[in-house]
Amino acid sequence: MQYNHLVIKRPSCYNPCEEGVDRHCPMERTEFSTPIQRYERRTLIDIDEAHRPYLAAAILRFNAMNAVAKVELSTQITLFDDGSPLIDVLISDFQHCLYREKIYTETLPLRRALISGVLGR
């Protein structure tokens, strides 16, 4: 199991190559770190071109809300997960995040105008 190396490090670790020797190791395991997530399943997601402007914010929101899955954007939109949840549910959750971001962006000027009108600014 690999560990996130950005958390508290120990000064030394056990080297399995040298039986019983405790020495400084370049791949230090951390005492209080969380295991790095391993993704077993990779799924491509098709998105309508009209939703492309909202992808970055939707991916950020989805990745923050889901511990078992991650979406990446390169030439394609790819969903990585550990295989435990149903893929249809994860895709639906991502599409919901995308739709929420679209609605948020489209209604932002209206909400700003409403607030400035109510507050008299």
PDB file of N, CA and C in Angstrom:
ATOM      1  N   MET A   1       0.848  -1.181   0.000  1.00  0.00           N
ATOM      2  CA  MET A   1       0.000   0.000   0.000  1.00  0.00           C
ATOM      3  C   MET A   1       0.887   1.235   0.000  1.00  0.00           C
ATOM      4  N   GLN A   2       0.600   2.193  -0.866  1.00  0.00           N
ATOM      5  CA  GLN A   2       1.347   3.435  -0.899  1.00  0.00           C
ATOM      6  C   GLN A   2       0.655   4.466  -0.022  1.00  0.00           C
ATOM      7  N   TYR A   3       1.442   5.406   0.481  1.00  0.00           N
ATOM      8  CA  TYR A   3       0.900   6.427   1.356  1.00  0.00           C
ATOM      9  C   TYR A   3       1.178   7.810   0.794  1.00  0.00           C
ATOM     10  N   ASN A   4       0.337   8.736   1.145  1.00  0.00           N
ATOM     11  CA  ASN A   4       0.519  10.119   0.751  1.00  0.00           C
ATOM     12  C   ASN A   4       1.729  10.661   1.490  1.00  0.00           C
ATOM     13  N   HIS A   5       2.744  11.103   0.763  1.00  0.00           N
ATOM     14  CA  HIS A   5       3.997  11.527   1.376  1.00  0.00           C
ATOM     15  C   HIS A   5       3.999  12.988   1.799  1.00  0.00           C
ATOM     16  N   LEU A   6       2.898  13.677   1.645  1.00  0.00           N
ATOM     17  CA  LEU A   6       2.855  15.096   1.970  1.00  0.00           C
ATOM     18  C   LEU A   6       2.418  15.364   3.401  1.00  0.00           C
ATOM     19  N   VAL A   7       2.254  14.313   4.175  1.00  0.00           N
ATOM     20  CA  VAL A   7       1.828  14.466   5.560  1.00  0.00           C
ATOM     21  C   VAL A   7       3.057  14.258   6.445  1.00  0.00           C
ATOM     22  N   ILE A   8       2.907  14.182   7.746  1.00  0.00           N
ATOM     23  CA  ILE A   8       4.006  14.069   8.701  1.00  0.00           C
ATOM     24  C   ILE A   8       4.899  12.874   8.375  1.00  0.00           C
ATOM     25  N   LYS A   9       6.219  13.115   8.248  1.00  0.00           N
ATOM     26  CA  LYS A   9       7.147  12.035   7.909  1.00  0.00           C
ATOM     27  C   LYS A   9       7.890  11.547   9.143  1.00  0.00           C
ATOM     28  N   ARG A  10       8.207  10.262   9.144  1.00  0.00           N
ATOM     29  CA  ARG A  10       9.070   9.703  10.170  1.00  0.00           C
ATOM     30  C   ARG A  10      10.513   9.872   9.721  1.00  0.00           C
ATOM     31  N   PRO A  11      11.471   9.926  10.643  1.00  0.00           N
ATOM     32  CA  PRO A  11      12.861  10.086  10.246  1.00  0.00           C
ATOM     33  C   PRO A  11      13.456   8.841   9.597  1.00  0.00           C
ATOM     34  N   SER A  12      12.892   7.671   9.823  1.00  0.00           N
ATOM     35  CA  SER A  12      13.463   6.463   9.232  1.00  0.00           C
ATOM     36  C   SER A  12      12.364   5.455   8.960  1.00  0.00           C
ATOM     37  N   CYS A  13      12.689   4.438   8.174  1.00  0.00           N
ATOM     38  CA  CYS A  13      11.712   3.410   7.873  1.00  0.00           C
ATOM     39  C   CYS A  13      12.415   2.067   7.702  1.00  0.00           C
ATOM     40  N   TYR A  14      11.658   1.022   7.724  1.00  0.00           N
ATOM     41  CA  TYR A  14      12.201  -0.320   7.581  1.00  0.00           C
ATOM     42  C   TYR A  14      12.499  -0.602   6.118  1.00  0.00           C
ATOM     43  N   ASN A  15      13.672  -1.103   5.841  1.00  0.00           N
ATOM     44  CA  ASN A  15      14.064  -1.459   4.482  1.00  0.00           C
ATOM     45  C   ASN A  15      13.964  -2.966   4.334  1.00  0.00           C
ATOM     46  N   PRO A  16      13.009  -3.482   3.559  1.00  0.00           N
ATOM     47  CA  PRO A  16      12.836  -4.922   3.442  1.00  0.00           C
ATOM     48  C   PRO A  16      14.001  -5.615   2.745  1.00  0.00           C
ATOM     49  N   CYS A  17      14.847  -4.877   2.034  1.00  0.00           N
ATOM     50  CA  CYS A  17      15.991  -5.492   1.358  1.00  0.00           C
ATOM     51  C   CYS A  17      17.082  -5.904   2.340  1.00  0.00           C
ATOM     52  N   GLU A  18      17.164  -5.221   3.450  1.00  0.00           N
ATOM     53  CA  GLU A  18      18.175  -5.539   4.457  1.00  0.00           C
ATOM     54  C   GLU A  18      17.452  -5.970   5.723  1.00  0.00           C
ATOM     55  N   GLU A  19      17.364  -7.244   5.925  1.00  0.00           N
ATOM     56  CA  GLU A  19      16.610  -7.831   7.030  1.00  0.00           C
ATOM     57  C   GLU A  19      17.004  -7.209   8.364  1.00  0.00           C
ATOM     58  N   GLY A  20      16.052  -6.626   9.038  1.00  0.00           N
ATOM     59  CA  GLY A  20      16.265  -6.107  10.383  1.00  0.00           C
ATOM     60  C   GLY A  20      16.987  -4.781  10.455  1.00  0.00           C
ATOM     61  N   VAL A  21      17.309  -4.178   9.346  1.00  0.00           N
ATOM     62  CA  VAL A  21      18.038  -2.911   9.364  1.00  0.00           C
ATOM     63  C   VAL A  21      17.039  -1.764   9.275  1.00  0.00           C
ATOM     64  N   ASP A  22      17.160  -0.818  10.192  1.00  0.00           N
ATOM     65  CA  ASP A  22      16.309   0.358  10.194  1.00  0.00           C
ATOM     66  C   ASP A  22      17.167   1.518   9.710  1.00  0.00           C
ATOM     67  N   ARG A  23      16.924   1.990   8.504  1.00  0.00           N
ATOM     68  CA  ARG A  23      17.750   3.056   7.953  1.00  0.00           C
ATOM     69  C   ARG A  23      16.880   4.058   7.204  1.00  0.00           C
ATOM     70  N   HIS A  24      17.482   5.185   6.852  1.00  0.00           N
ATOM     71  CA  HIS A  24      16.738   6.217   6.128  1.00  0.00           C
ATOM     72  C   HIS A  24      16.310   5.679   4.773  1.00  0.00           C
ATOM     73  N   CYS A  25      15.080   5.890   4.435  1.00  0.00           N
ATOM     74  CA  CYS A  25      14.504   5.334   3.218  1.00  0.00           C
ATOM     75  C   CYS A  25      13.934   6.462   2.361  1.00  0.00           C
ATOM     76  N   PRO A  26      14.222   6.511   1.062  1.00  0.00           N
ATOM     77  CA  PRO A  26      13.678   7.585   0.233  1.00  0.00           C
ATOM     78  C   PRO A  26      12.162   7.521   0.079  1.00  0.00           C
ATOM     79  N   MET A  27      11.576   6.355   0.220  1.00  0.00           N
ATOM     80  CA  MET A  27      10.124   6.198   0.127  1.00  0.00           C
ATOM     81  C   MET A  27       9.544   6.066   1.531  1.00  0.00           C
ATOM     82  N   GLU A  28       9.677   7.102   2.335  1.00  0.00           N
ATOM     83  CA  GLU A  28       9.236   7.040   3.718  1.00  0.00           C
ATOM     84  C   GLU A  28       7.736   6.847   3.822  1.00  0.00           C
ATOM     85  N   ARG A  29       7.339   5.947   4.691  1.00  0.00           N
ATOM     86  CA  ARG A  29       5.925   5.828   5.027  1.00  0.00           C
ATOM     87  C   ARG A  29       5.647   6.791   6.147  1.00  0.00           C
ATOM     88  N   THR A  30       4.484   7.303   6.183  1.00  0.00           N
ATOM     89  CA  THR A  30       4.151   8.265   7.224  1.00  0.00           C
ATOM     90  C   THR A  30       3.246   7.627   8.262  1.00  0.00           C
ATOM     91  N   GLU A  31       3.393   8.071   9.470  1.00  0.00           N
ATOM     92  CA  GLU A  31       2.630   7.509  10.583  1.00  0.00           C
ATOM     93  C   GLU A  31       1.140   7.819  10.467  1.00  0.00           C
ATOM     94  N   PHE A  32       0.811   9.051  10.129  1.00  0.00           N
ATOM     95  CA  PHE A  32      -0.578   9.485  10.182  1.00  0.00           C
ATOM     96  C   PHE A  32      -1.142   9.832   8.810  1.00  0.00           C
ATOM     97  N   SER A  33      -0.521   9.351   7.760  1.00  0.00           N
ATOM     98  CA  SER A  33      -1.002   9.689   6.425  1.00  0.00           C
ATOM     99  C   SER A  33      -2.126   8.761   6.005  1.00  0.00           C
ATOM    100  N   THR A  34      -2.830   9.178   4.992  1.00  0.00           N
ATOM    101  CA  THR A  34      -3.916   8.366   4.457  1.00  0.00           C
ATOM    102  C   THR A  34      -3.405   7.586   3.259  1.00  0.00           C
ATOM    103  N   PRO A  35      -3.922   6.389   3.026  1.00  0.00           N
ATOM    104  CA  PRO A  35      -3.473   5.632   1.861  1.00  0.00           C
ATOM    105  C   PRO A  35      -3.850   6.347   0.565  1.00  0.00           C
ATOM    106  N   ILE A  36      -2.976   6.261  -0.431  1.00  0.00           N
ATOM    107  CA  ILE A  36      -3.264   6.829  -1.740  1.00  0.00           C
ATOM    108  C   ILE A  36      -4.304   5.952  -2.414  1.00  0.00           C
ATOM    109  N   GLN A  37      -5.313   6.587  -2.975  1.00  0.00           N
ATOM    110  CA  GLN A  37      -6.414   5.862  -3.604  1.00  0.00           C
ATOM    111  C   GLN A  37      -5.937   5.183  -4.880  1.00  0.00           C
ATOM    112  N   ARG A  38      -6.257   3.917  -5.033  1.00  0.00           N
ATOM    113  CA  ARG A  38      -5.973   3.172  -6.257  1.00  0.00           C
ATOM    114  C   ARG A  38      -7.274   3.011  -7.024  1.00  0.00           C
ATOM    115  N   TYR A  39      -7.263   3.384  -8.275  1.00  0.00           N
ATOM    116  CA  TYR A  39      -8.456   3.309  -9.095  1.00  0.00           C
ATOM    117  C   TYR A  39      -8.383   2.083  -9.993  1.00  0.00           C
ATOM    118  N   GLU A  40      -9.437   1.273  -9.976  1.00  0.00           N
ATOM    119  CA  GLU A  40      -9.464   0.030 -10.730  1.00  0.00           C
ATOM    120  C   GLU A  40     -10.245   0.145 -12.026  1.00  0.00           C
ATOM    121  N   ARG A  41     -11.173   1.072 -12.088  1.00  0.00           N
ATOM    122  CA  ARG A  41     -12.052   1.163 -13.252  1.00  0.00           C
ATOM    123  C   ARG A  41     -11.891   2.533 -13.914  1.00  0.00           C
ATOM    124  N   ARG A  42     -11.869   2.536 -15.240  1.00  0.00           N
ATOM    125  CA  ARG A  42     -11.737   3.767 -16.022  1.00  0.00           C
ATOM    126  C   ARG A  42     -12.903   3.815 -17.001  1.00  0.00           C
ATOM    127  N   THR A  43     -13.670   4.908 -16.969  1.00  0.00           N
ATOM    128  CA  THR A  43     -14.848   5.049 -17.813  1.00  0.00           C
ATOM    129  C   THR A  43     -14.803   6.395 -18.522  1.00  0.00           C
ATOM    130  N   LEU A  44     -15.043   6.384 -19.817  1.00  0.00           N
ATOM    131  CA  LEU A  44     -15.120   7.632 -20.577  1.00  0.00           C
ATOM    132  C   LEU A  44     -16.534   8.189 -20.486  1.00  0.00           C
ATOM    133  N   ILE A  45     -16.645   9.510 -20.338  1.00  0.00           N
ATOM    134  CA  ILE A  45     -17.944  10.165 -20.214  1.00  0.00           C
ATOM    135  C   ILE A  45     -18.142  11.077 -21.418  1.00  0.00           C
ATOM    136  N   ASP A  46     -19.279  10.939 -22.069  1.00  0.00           N
ATOM    137  CA  ASP A  46     -19.631  11.818 -23.188  1.00  0.00           C
ATOM    138  C   ASP A  46     -20.394  13.024 -22.652  1.00  0.00           C
ATOM    139  N   ILE A  47     -19.958  14.207 -23.061  1.00  0.00           N
ATOM    140  CA  ILE A  47     -20.585  15.448 -22.622  1.00  0.00           C
ATOM    141  C   ILE A  47     -20.961  16.257 -23.860  1.00  0.00           C
ATOM    142  N   ASP A  48     -22.132  16.850 -23.835  1.00  0.00           N
ATOM    143  CA  ASP A  48     -22.580  17.716 -24.918  1.00  0.00           C
ATOM    144  C   ASP A  48     -21.668  18.940 -25.004  1.00  0.00           C
ATOM    145  N   GLU A  49     -21.434  19.427 -26.209  1.00  0.00           N
ATOM    146  CA  GLU A  49     -20.555  20.588 -26.414  1.00  0.00           C
ATOM    147  C   GLU A  49     -21.052  21.832 -25.671  1.00  0.00           C
ATOM    148  N   ALA A  50     -22.348  21.946 -25.466  1.00  0.00           N
ATOM    149  CA  ALA A  50     -22.896  23.112 -24.766  1.00  0.00           C
ATOM    150  C   ALA A  50     -22.461  23.165 -23.301  1.00  0.00           C
ATOM    151  N   HIS A  51     -22.084  22.029 -22.739  1.00  0.00           N
ATOM    152  CA  HIS A  51     -21.685  21.978 -21.331  1.00  0.00           C
ATOM    153  C   HIS A  51     -20.176  22.107 -21.126  1.00  0.00           C
ATOM    154  N   ARG A  52     -19.403  22.137 -22.185  1.00  0.00           N
ATOM    155  CA  ARG A  52     -17.940  22.190 -22.067  1.00  0.00           C
ATOM    156  C   ARG A  52     -17.421  23.400 -21.283  1.00  0.00           C
ATOM    157  N   PRO A  53     -18.015  24.596 -21.394  1.00  0.00           N
ATOM    158  CA  PRO A  53     -17.489  25.737 -20.631  1.00  0.00           C
ATOM    159  C   PRO A  53     -17.574  25.561 -19.109  1.00  0.00           C
ATOM    160  N   TYR A  54     -18.395  24.652 -18.650  1.00  0.00           N
ATOM    161  CA  TYR A  54     -18.614  24.475 -17.212  1.00  0.00           C
ATOM    162  C   TYR A  54     -17.850  23.279 -16.646  1.00  0.00           C
ATOM    163  N   LEU A  55     -17.058  22.605 -17.476  1.00  0.00           N
ATOM    164  CA  LEU A  55     -16.396  21.367 -17.060  1.00  0.00           C
ATOM    165  C   LEU A  55     -15.409  21.555 -15.915  1.00  0.00           C
ATOM    166  N   ALA A  56     -14.561  22.561 -15.980  1.00  0.00           N
ATOM    167  CA  ALA A  56     -13.511  22.720 -14.968  1.00  0.00           C
ATOM    168  C   ALA A  56     -14.099  22.840 -13.563  1.00  0.00           C
ATOM    169  N   ALA A  57     -15.095  23.685 -13.399  1.00  0.00           N
ATOM    170  CA  ALA A  57     -15.711  23.861 -12.079  1.00  0.00           C
ATOM    171  C   ALA A  57     -16.475  22.613 -11.649  1.00  0.00           C
ATOM    172  N   ALA A  58     -17.133  21.944 -12.597  1.00  0.00           N
ATOM    173  CA  ALA A  58     -17.880  20.721 -12.264  1.00  0.00           C
ATOM    174  C   ALA A  58     -16.938  19.598 -11.851  1.00  0.00           C
ATOM    175  N   ILE A  59     -15.800  19.478 -12.519  1.00  0.00           N
ATOM    176  CA  ILE A  59     -14.818  18.450 -12.153  1.00  0.00           C
ATOM    177  C   ILE A  59     -14.274  18.722 -10.761  1.00  0.00           C
ATOM    178  N   LEU A  60     -13.970  19.971 -10.478  1.00  0.00           N
ATOM    179  CA  LEU A  60     -13.481  20.336  -9.148  1.00  0.00           C
ATOM    180  C   LEU A  60     -14.507  20.002  -8.070  1.00  0.00           C
ATOM    181  N   ARG A  61     -15.768  20.338  -8.305  1.00  0.00           N
ATOM    182  CA  ARG A  61     -16.841  20.048  -7.344  1.00  0.00           C
ATOM    183  C   ARG A  61     -17.013  18.540  -7.153  1.00  0.00           C
ATOM    184  N   PHE A  62     -17.029  17.782  -8.250  1.00  0.00           N
ATOM    185  CA  PHE A  62     -17.219  16.330  -8.179  1.00  0.00           C
ATOM    186  C   PHE A  62     -16.064  15.659  -7.435  1.00  0.00           C
ATOM    187  N   ASN A  63     -14.830  16.038  -7.757  1.00  0.00           N
ATOM    188  CA  ASN A  63     -13.673  15.431  -7.096  1.00  0.00           C
ATOM    189  C   ASN A  63     -13.649  15.738  -5.603  1.00  0.00           C
ATOM    190  N   ALA A  64     -14.136  16.910  -5.216  1.00  0.00           N
ATOM    191  CA  ALA A  64     -14.175  17.260  -3.795  1.00  0.00           C
ATOM    192  C   ALA A  64     -15.259  16.490  -3.048  1.00  0.00           C
ATOM    193  N   MET A  65     -16.355  16.160  -3.734  1.00  0.00           N
ATOM    194  CA  MET A  65     -17.484  15.500  -3.076  1.00  0.00           C
ATOM    195  C   MET A  65     -17.381  13.977  -3.055  1.00  0.00           C
ATOM    196  N   ASN A  66     -16.572  13.392  -3.919  1.00  0.00           N
ATOM    197  CA  ASN A  66     -16.515  11.938  -4.034  1.00  0.00           C
ATOM    198  C   ASN A  66     -15.134  11.417  -3.674  1.00  0.00           C
ATOM    199  N   ALA A  67     -15.087  10.620  -2.615  1.00  0.00           N
ATOM    200  CA  ALA A  67     -13.813  10.057  -2.179  1.00  0.00           C
ATOM    201  C   ALA A  67     -13.421   8.819  -2.971  1.00  0.00           C
ATOM    202  N   VAL A  68     -14.383   8.142  -3.573  1.00  0.00           N
ATOM    203  CA  VAL A  68     -14.090   6.883  -4.267  1.00  0.00           C
ATOM    204  C   VAL A  68     -13.899   7.066  -5.762  1.00  0.00           C
ATOM    205  N   ALA A  69     -14.049   8.283  -6.268  1.00  0.00           N
ATOM    206  CA  ALA A  69     -13.947   8.498  -7.712  1.00  0.00           C
ATOM    207  C   ALA A  69     -13.259   9.820  -8.006  1.00  0.00           C
ATOM    208  N   LYS A  70     -12.745   9.914  -9.226  1.00  0.00           N
ATOM    209  CA  LYS A  70     -12.055  11.119  -9.655  1.00  0.00           C
ATOM    210  C   LYS A  70     -12.298  11.298 -11.146  1.00  0.00           C
ATOM    211  N   VAL A  71     -12.529  12.531 -11.561  1.00  0.00           N
ATOM    212  CA  VAL A  71     -12.719  12.835 -12.979  1.00  0.00           C
ATOM    213  C   VAL A  71     -11.518  13.640 -13.447  1.00  0.00           C
ATOM    214  N   GLU A  72     -10.998  13.274 -14.608  1.00  0.00           N
ATOM    215  CA  GLU A  72      -9.893  14.013 -15.206  1.00  0.00           C
ATOM    216  C   GLU A  72     -10.276  14.437 -16.612  1.00  0.00           C
ATOM    217  N   LEU A  73      -9.748  15.575 -17.022  1.00  0.00           N
ATOM    218  CA  LEU A  73     -10.023  16.113 -18.349  1.00  0.00           C
ATOM    219  C   LEU A  73      -8.713  16.223 -19.105  1.00  0.00           C
ATOM    220  N   SER A  74      -8.611  15.517 -20.199  1.00  0.00           N
ATOM    221  CA  SER A  74      -7.485  15.683 -21.123  1.00  0.00           C
ATOM    222  C   SER A  74      -8.110  15.858 -22.495  1.00  0.00           C
ATOM    223  N   THR A  75      -7.849  14.971 -23.415  1.00  0.00           N
ATOM    224  CA  THR A  75      -8.563  15.042 -24.687  1.00  0.00           C
ATOM    225  C   THR A  75      -9.972  14.498 -24.531  1.00  0.00           C
ATOM    226  N   GLN A  76     -10.175  13.666 -23.507  1.00  0.00           N
ATOM    227  CA  GLN A  76     -11.485  13.102 -23.194  1.00  0.00           C
ATOM    228  C   GLN A  76     -11.764  13.304 -21.710  1.00  0.00           C
ATOM    229  N   ILE A  77     -13.003  13.129 -21.332  1.00  0.00           N
ATOM    230  CA  ILE A  77     -13.384  13.198 -19.923  1.00  0.00           C
ATOM    231  C   ILE A  77     -13.384  11.769 -19.399  1.00  0.00           C
ATOM    232  N   THR A  78     -12.569  11.516 -18.375  1.00  0.00           N
ATOM    233  CA  THR A  78     -12.399  10.165 -17.862  1.00  0.00           C
ATOM    234  C   THR A  78     -12.761  10.117 -16.392  1.00  0.00           C
ATOM    235  N   LEU A  79     -13.557   9.129 -16.021  1.00  0.00           N
ATOM    236  CA  LEU A  79     -13.948   8.896 -14.630  1.00  0.00           C
ATOM    237  C   LEU A  79     -13.180   7.686 -14.126  1.00  0.00           C
ATOM    238  N   PHE A  80     -12.411   7.863 -13.047  1.00  0.00           N
ATOM    239  CA  PHE A  80     -11.682   6.775 -12.414  1.00  0.00           C
ATOM    240  C   PHE A  80     -12.353   6.468 -11.085  1.00  0.00           C
ATOM    241  N   ASP A  81     -12.532   5.187 -10.777  1.00  0.00           N
ATOM    242  CA  ASP A  81     -13.082   4.826  -9.468  1.00  0.00           C
ATOM    243  C   ASP A  81     -12.528   3.476  -9.043  1.00  0.00           C
ATOM    244  N   ASP A  82     -12.813   3.102  -7.795  1.00  0.00           N
ATOM    245  CA  ASP A  82     -12.259   1.864  -7.241  1.00  0.00           C
ATOM    246  C   ASP A  82     -13.098   0.636  -7.556  1.00  0.00           C
ATOM    247  N   GLY A  83     -14.175   0.797  -8.286  1.00  0.00           N
ATOM    248  CA  GLY A  83     -14.990  -0.339  -8.689  1.00  0.00           C
ATOM    249  C   GLY A  83     -16.109  -0.693  -7.739  1.00  0.00           C
ATOM    250  N   SER A  84     -16.177  -0.052  -6.568  1.00  0.00           N
ATOM    251  CA  SER A  84     -17.204  -0.424  -5.595  1.00  0.00           C
ATOM    252  C   SER A  84     -18.588   0.158  -5.899  1.00  0.00           C
ATOM    253  N   PRO A  85     -18.726   1.452  -6.219  1.00  0.00           N
ATOM    254  CA  PRO A  85     -20.077   1.955  -6.487  1.00  0.00           C
ATOM    255  C   PRO A  85     -20.521   1.624  -7.906  1.00  0.00           C
ATOM    256  N   LEU A  86     -21.801   1.743  -8.132  1.00  0.00           N
ATOM    257  CA  LEU A  86     -22.329   1.535  -9.473  1.00  0.00           C
ATOM    258  C   LEU A  86     -21.870   2.675 -10.373  1.00  0.00           C
ATOM    259  N   ILE A  87     -21.391   2.343 -11.545  1.00  0.00           N
ATOM    260  CA  ILE A  87     -20.866   3.362 -12.455  1.00  0.00           C
ATOM    261  C   ILE A  87     -21.955   4.319 -12.914  1.00  0.00           C
ATOM    262  N   ASP A  88     -23.186   3.815 -13.059  1.00  0.00           N
ATOM    263  CA  ASP A  88     -24.290   4.689 -13.472  1.00  0.00           C
ATOM    264  C   ASP A  88     -24.545   5.784 -12.444  1.00  0.00           C
ATOM    265  N   VAL A  89     -24.399   5.449 -11.172  1.00  0.00           N
ATOM    266  CA  VAL A  89     -24.605   6.433 -10.104  1.00  0.00           C
ATOM    267  C   VAL A  89     -23.510   7.494 -10.150  1.00  0.00           C
ATOM    268  N   LEU A  90     -22.268   7.075 -10.359  1.00  0.00           N
ATOM    269  CA  LEU A  90     -21.168   8.039 -10.426  1.00  0.00           C
ATOM    270  C   LEU A  90     -21.311   8.972 -11.626  1.00  0.00           C
ATOM    271  N   ILE A  91     -21.671   8.423 -12.770  1.00  0.00           N
ATOM    272  CA  ILE A  91     -21.861   9.261 -13.955  1.00  0.00           C
ATOM    273  C   ILE A  91     -23.016  10.228 -13.732  1.00  0.00           C
ATOM    274  N   SER A  92     -24.083   9.757 -13.119  1.00  0.00           N
ATOM    275  CA  SER A  92     -25.223  10.622 -12.811  1.00  0.00           C
ATOM    276  C   SER A  92     -24.815  11.739 -11.847  1.00  0.00           C
ATOM    277  N   ASP A  93     -24.016  11.405 -10.830  1.00  0.00           N
ATOM    278  CA  ASP A  93     -23.535  12.422  -9.890  1.00  0.00           C
ATOM    279  C   ASP A  93     -22.685  13.475 -10.597  1.00  0.00           C
ATOM    280  N   PHE A  94     -21.818  13.028 -11.507  1.00  0.00           N
ATOM    281  CA  PHE A  94     -20.989  13.987 -12.241  1.00  0.00           C
ATOM    282  C   PHE A  94     -21.843  14.881 -13.133  1.00  0.00           C
ATOM    283  N   GLN A  95     -22.802  14.295 -13.825  1.00  0.00           N
ATOM    284  CA  GLN A  95     -23.667  15.092 -14.689  1.00  0.00           C
ATOM    285  C   GLN A  95     -24.506  16.076 -13.879  1.00  0.00           C
ATOM    286  N   HIS A  96     -24.881  15.683 -12.662  1.00  0.00           N
ATOM    287  CA  HIS A  96     -25.604  16.598 -11.776  1.00  0.00           C
ATOM    288  C   HIS A  96     -24.704  17.779 -11.392  1.00  0.00           C
ATOM    289  N   CYS A  97     -23.442  17.510 -11.067  1.00  0.00           N
ATOM    290  CA  CYS A  97     -22.499  18.595 -10.752  1.00  0.00           C
ATOM    291  C   CYS A  97     -22.323  19.526 -11.948  1.00  0.00           C
ATOM    292  N   LEU A  98     -22.251  18.948 -13.127  1.00  0.00           N
ATOM    293  CA  LEU A  98     -22.099  19.740 -14.348  1.00  0.00           C
ATOM    294  C   LEU A  98     -23.329  20.628 -14.577  1.00  0.00           C
ATOM    295  N   TYR A  99     -24.505  20.059 -14.391  1.00  0.00           N
ATOM    296  CA  TYR A  99     -25.744  20.817 -14.571  1.00  0.00           C
ATOM    297  C   TYR A  99     -25.865  21.924 -13.522  1.00  0.00           C
ATOM    298  N   ARG A 100     -25.504  21.630 -12.273  1.00  0.00           N
ATOM    299  CA  ARG A 100     -25.548  22.655 -11.219  1.00  0.00           C
ATOM    300  C   ARG A 100     -24.628  23.817 -11.546  1.00  0.00           C
ATOM    301  N   GLU A 101     -23.438  23.507 -12.061  1.00  0.00           N
ATOM    302  CA  GLU A 101     -22.489  24.560 -12.423  1.00  0.00           C
ATOM    303  C   GLU A 101     -23.022  25.410 -13.575  1.00  0.00           C
ATOM    304  N   LYS A 102     -23.672  24.780 -14.532  1.00  0.00           N
ATOM    305  CA  LYS A 102     -24.274  25.503 -15.664  1.00  0.00           C
ATOM    306  C   LYS A 102     -25.361  26.454 -15.163  1.00  0.00           C
ATOM    307  N   ILE A 103     -26.243  25.963 -14.311  1.00  0.00           N
ATOM    308  CA  ILE A 103     -27.319  26.797 -13.758  1.00  0.00           C
ATOM    309  C   ILE A 103     -26.742  27.933 -12.919  1.00  0.00           C
ATOM    310  N   TYR A 104     -25.736  27.634 -12.094  1.00  0.00           N
ATOM    311  CA  TYR A 104     -25.109  28.660 -11.258  1.00  0.00           C
ATOM    312  C   TYR A 104     -24.535  29.784 -12.118  1.00  0.00           C
ATOM    313  N   THR A 105     -23.799  29.409 -13.157  1.00  0.00           N
ATOM    314  CA  THR A 105     -23.162  30.402 -14.023  1.00  0.00           C
ATOM    315  C   THR A 105     -24.190  31.224 -14.795  1.00  0.00           C
ATOM    316  N   GLU A 106     -25.221  30.567 -15.294  1.00  0.00           N
ATOM    317  CA  GLU A 106     -26.228  31.276 -16.087  1.00  0.00           C
ATOM    318  C   GLU A 106     -27.099  32.206 -15.248  1.00  0.00           C
ATOM    319  N   THR A 107     -27.315  31.881 -13.991  1.00  0.00           N
ATOM    320  CA  THR A 107     -28.188  32.709 -13.153  1.00  0.00           C
ATOM    321  C   THR A 107     -27.423  33.718 -12.298  1.00  0.00           C
ATOM    322  N   LEU A 108     -26.102  33.706 -12.350  1.00  0.00           N
ATOM    323  CA  LEU A 108     -25.311  34.623 -11.530  1.00  0.00           C
ATOM    324  C   LEU A 108     -25.611  36.096 -11.822  1.00  0.00           C
ATOM    325  N   PRO A 109     -25.684  36.543 -13.068  1.00  0.00           N
ATOM    326  CA  PRO A 109     -26.022  37.961 -13.304  1.00  0.00           C
ATOM    327  C   PRO A 109     -27.407  38.341 -12.773  1.00  0.00           C
ATOM    328  N   LEU A 110     -28.366  37.445 -12.903  1.00  0.00           N
ATOM    329  CA  LEU A 110     -29.712  37.708 -12.397  1.00  0.00           C
ATOM    330  C   LEU A 110     -29.702  37.834 -10.873  1.00  0.00           C
ATOM    331  N   ARG A 111     -28.989  36.949 -10.211  1.00  0.00           N
ATOM    332  CA  ARG A 111     -28.918  37.011  -8.745  1.00  0.00           C
ATOM    333  C   ARG A 111     -28.205  38.266  -8.277  1.00  0.00           C
ATOM    334  N   ARG A 112     -27.136  38.652  -8.975  1.00  0.00           N
ATOM    335  CA  ARG A 112     -26.422  39.886  -8.614  1.00  0.00           C
ATOM    336  C   ARG A 112     -27.321  41.112  -8.786  1.00  0.00           C
ATOM    337  N   ALA A 113     -28.065  41.152  -9.889  1.00  0.00           N
ATOM    338  CA  ALA A 113     -28.975  42.283 -10.126  1.00  0.00           C
ATOM    339  C   ALA A 113     -30.068  42.333  -9.067  1.00  0.00           C
ATOM    340  N   LEU A 114     -30.589  41.185  -8.692  1.00  0.00           N
ATOM    341  CA  LEU A 114     -31.627  41.118  -7.670  1.00  0.00           C
ATOM    342  C   LEU A 114     -31.101  41.596  -6.323  1.00  0.00           C
ATOM    343  N   ILE A 115     -29.928  41.155  -5.946  1.00  0.00           N
ATOM    344  CA  ILE A 115     -29.349  41.559  -4.654  1.00  0.00           C
ATOM    345  C   ILE A 115     -29.029  43.048  -4.657  1.00  0.00           C
ATOM    346  N   SER A 116     -28.464  43.553  -5.748  1.00  0.00           N
ATOM    347  CA  SER A 116     -28.157  44.990  -5.787  1.00  0.00           C
ATOM    348  C   SER A 116     -29.435  45.831  -5.793  1.00  0.00           C
ATOM    349  N   GLY A 117     -30.506  45.327  -6.412  1.00  0.00           N
ATOM    350  CA  GLY A 117     -31.783  46.040  -6.393  1.00  0.00           C
ATOM    351  C   GLY A 117     -32.407  46.055  -5.013  1.00  0.00           C
ATOM    352  N   VAL A 118     -32.329  44.943  -4.309  1.00  0.00           N
ATOM    353  CA  VAL A 118     -32.904  44.851  -2.964  1.00  0.00           C
ATOM    354  C   VAL A 118     -32.099  45.681  -1.977  1.00  0.00           C
ATOM    355  N   LEU A 119     -30.781  45.650  -2.094  1.00  0.00           N
ATOM    356  CA  LEU A 119     -29.936  46.385  -1.156  1.00  0.00           C
ATOM    357  C   LEU A 119     -29.750  47.844  -1.558  1.00  0.00           C
ATOM    358  N   GLY A 120     -30.211  48.220  -2.757  1.00  0.00           N
ATOM    359  CA  GLY A 120     -30.133  49.612  -3.193  1.00  0.00           C
ATOM    360  C   GLY A 120     -28.736  50.066  -3.550  1.00  0.00           C
ATOM    361  N   ARG A 121     -27.953  49.197  -4.103  1.00  0.00           N
ATOM    362  CA  ARG A 121     -26.579  49.587  -4.483  1.00  0.00           C
ATOM    363  C   ARG A 121     -26.520  50.040  -5.899  1.00  0.00           C
TER     364      ARG A 121
END
